């Protein structure tokens, strides 16, 4: 099961590595599927990685990984409310933390 609320809470606590791990529990067994949903989750994992890189003072690397998140976020469709809400949350957080 995808733990969106846990992921969001970990981001708010700036536990970015743990947030990455929380989604990876879902993504890793499915990583070879290449379905749209799996790729979207991979994007959110990349967002957490970008935040962790920023936390470690690696701004350039963080922005590079953020671009990967943005690529996967384009796969989210208008009827996927959970993903849309999470995308808005992550991107609002990035405005405060990453940029």
Protein backbone atom coordinates (compact mmCIF):
# COMPACT_ATOMS: atom_id res chain seq x y z
CA UNK A 1 0.00 0.00 0.00
CA UNK A 2 1.23 3.47 -0.89
CA UNK A 3 1.81 5.51 2.29
CA UNK A 4 1.15 9.05 1.05
CA UNK A 5 0.31 10.52 4.46
CA UNK A 6 3.48 9.04 5.98
CA UNK A 7 5.54 10.45 3.10
CA UNK A 8 4.07 13.93 3.59
CA UNK A 9 4.64 13.85 7.35
CA UNK A 10 8.26 12.78 6.88
CA UNK A 11 8.82 15.64 4.43
CA UNK A 12 7.43 18.12 6.95
CA UNK A 13 9.85 16.73 9.54
CA UNK A 14 12.69 17.11 7.01
CA UNK A 15 13.28 13.35 7.16
CA UNK A 16 13.77 13.20 3.44
CA UNK A 17 15.72 9.96 3.29
CA UNK A 18 13.01 8.24 5.33
CA UNK A 19 10.33 9.71 3.03
CA UNK A 20 12.20 8.27 0.06
CA UNK A 21 12.36 4.89 1.79
CA UNK A 22 8.64 4.96 2.63
CA UNK A 23 7.66 5.22 -1.05
CA UNK A 24 10.40 2.86 -2.13
CA UNK A 25 8.67 0.10 -0.10
CA UNK A 26 5.87 0.35 -2.67
CA UNK A 27 7.98 1.14 -5.74
CA UNK A 28 10.87 -1.33 -5.46
CA UNK A 29 8.92 -4.60 -5.97
CA UNK A 30 7.14 -2.97 -8.96
CA UNK A 31 10.09 -1.07 -10.46
CA UNK A 32 10.22 -3.19 -13.62
CA UNK A 33 6.53 -2.71 -14.42
CA UNK A 34 7.04 0.72 -16.00
CA UNK A 35 3.36 1.48 -15.51
CA UNK A 36 2.33 5.10 -15.25
CA UNK A 37 1.51 4.77 -11.53
CA UNK A 38 4.87 3.22 -10.73
CA UNK A 39 6.67 5.96 -12.66
CA UNK A 40 4.71 8.63 -10.80
CA UNK A 41 5.79 7.13 -7.47
CA UNK A 42 9.36 7.08 -8.76
CA UNK A 43 8.98 10.80 -9.38
CA UNK A 44 7.91 11.44 -5.79
CA UNK A 45 10.90 9.40 -4.62
CA UNK A 46 13.08 11.72 -6.70
CA UNK A 47 11.47 14.75 -5.03
CA UNK A 48 12.52 13.42 -1.62
CA UNK A 49 16.03 12.78 -2.96
CA UNK A 50 16.19 16.37 -4.22
CA UNK A 51 15.22 17.66 -0.77
CA UNK A 52 17.84 15.44 0.89
CA UNK A 53 20.52 16.70 -1.49
CA UNK A 54 19.56 20.29 -0.65
CA UNK A 55 19.74 19.45 3.05
CA UNK A 56 23.29 18.19 2.49
CA UNK A 57 24.26 21.42 0.74
CA UNK A 58 24.30 19.99 -2.77
CA UNK A 59 22.02 22.53 -4.45
CA UNK A 60 23.12 21.83 -8.03
CA UNK A 61 22.52 18.09 -7.66
CA UNK A 62 19.21 18.77 -5.93
CA UNK A 63 17.97 20.85 -8.86
CA UNK A 64 19.07 18.19 -11.33
CA UNK A 65 17.11 15.49 -9.47
CA UNK A 66 14.16 17.90 -9.15
CA UNK A 67 13.99 18.04 -12.95
CA UNK A 68 13.58 14.27 -12.95
CA UNK A 69 10.69 14.60 -10.50
CA UNK A 70 9.08 17.20 -12.79
CA UNK A 71 9.35 14.85 -15.77
CA UNK A 72 7.49 12.09 -13.93
CA UNK A 73 4.94 14.51 -12.44
CA UNK A 74 3.69 15.25 -15.96
CA UNK A 75 2.25 11.72 -16.02
CA UNK A 76 -0.35 12.60 -13.37
CA UNK A 77 -3.82 12.86 -14.88
CA UNK A 78 -6.61 15.17 -13.78
CA UNK A 79 -8.71 12.41 -12.17
CA UNK A 80 -5.94 11.08 -9.92
CA UNK A 81 -6.88 13.09 -6.86
CA UNK A 82 -4.36 11.54 -4.45
CA UNK A 83 -1.48 12.15 -6.83
CA UNK A 84 -2.69 15.66 -7.70
CA UNK A 85 -2.92 16.57 -4.01
CA UNK A 86 0.53 15.13 -3.33
CA UNK A 87 1.99 16.96 -6.32
CA UNK A 88 0.60 20.27 -5.05
CA UNK A 89 1.97 19.55 -1.57
CA UNK A 90 5.44 18.60 -2.85
CA UNK A 91 5.67 21.57 -5.20
CA UNK A 92 4.53 24.03 -2.52
CA UNK A 93 7.10 22.53 -0.17
CA UNK A 94 9.78 22.87 -2.84
CA UNK A 95 9.03 26.58 -3.24
CA UNK A 96 9.83 27.08 0.45
CA UNK A 97 12.67 24.62 0.81
CA UNK A 98 14.40 23.97 -2.49
CA UNK A 99 14.37 27.31 -4.29
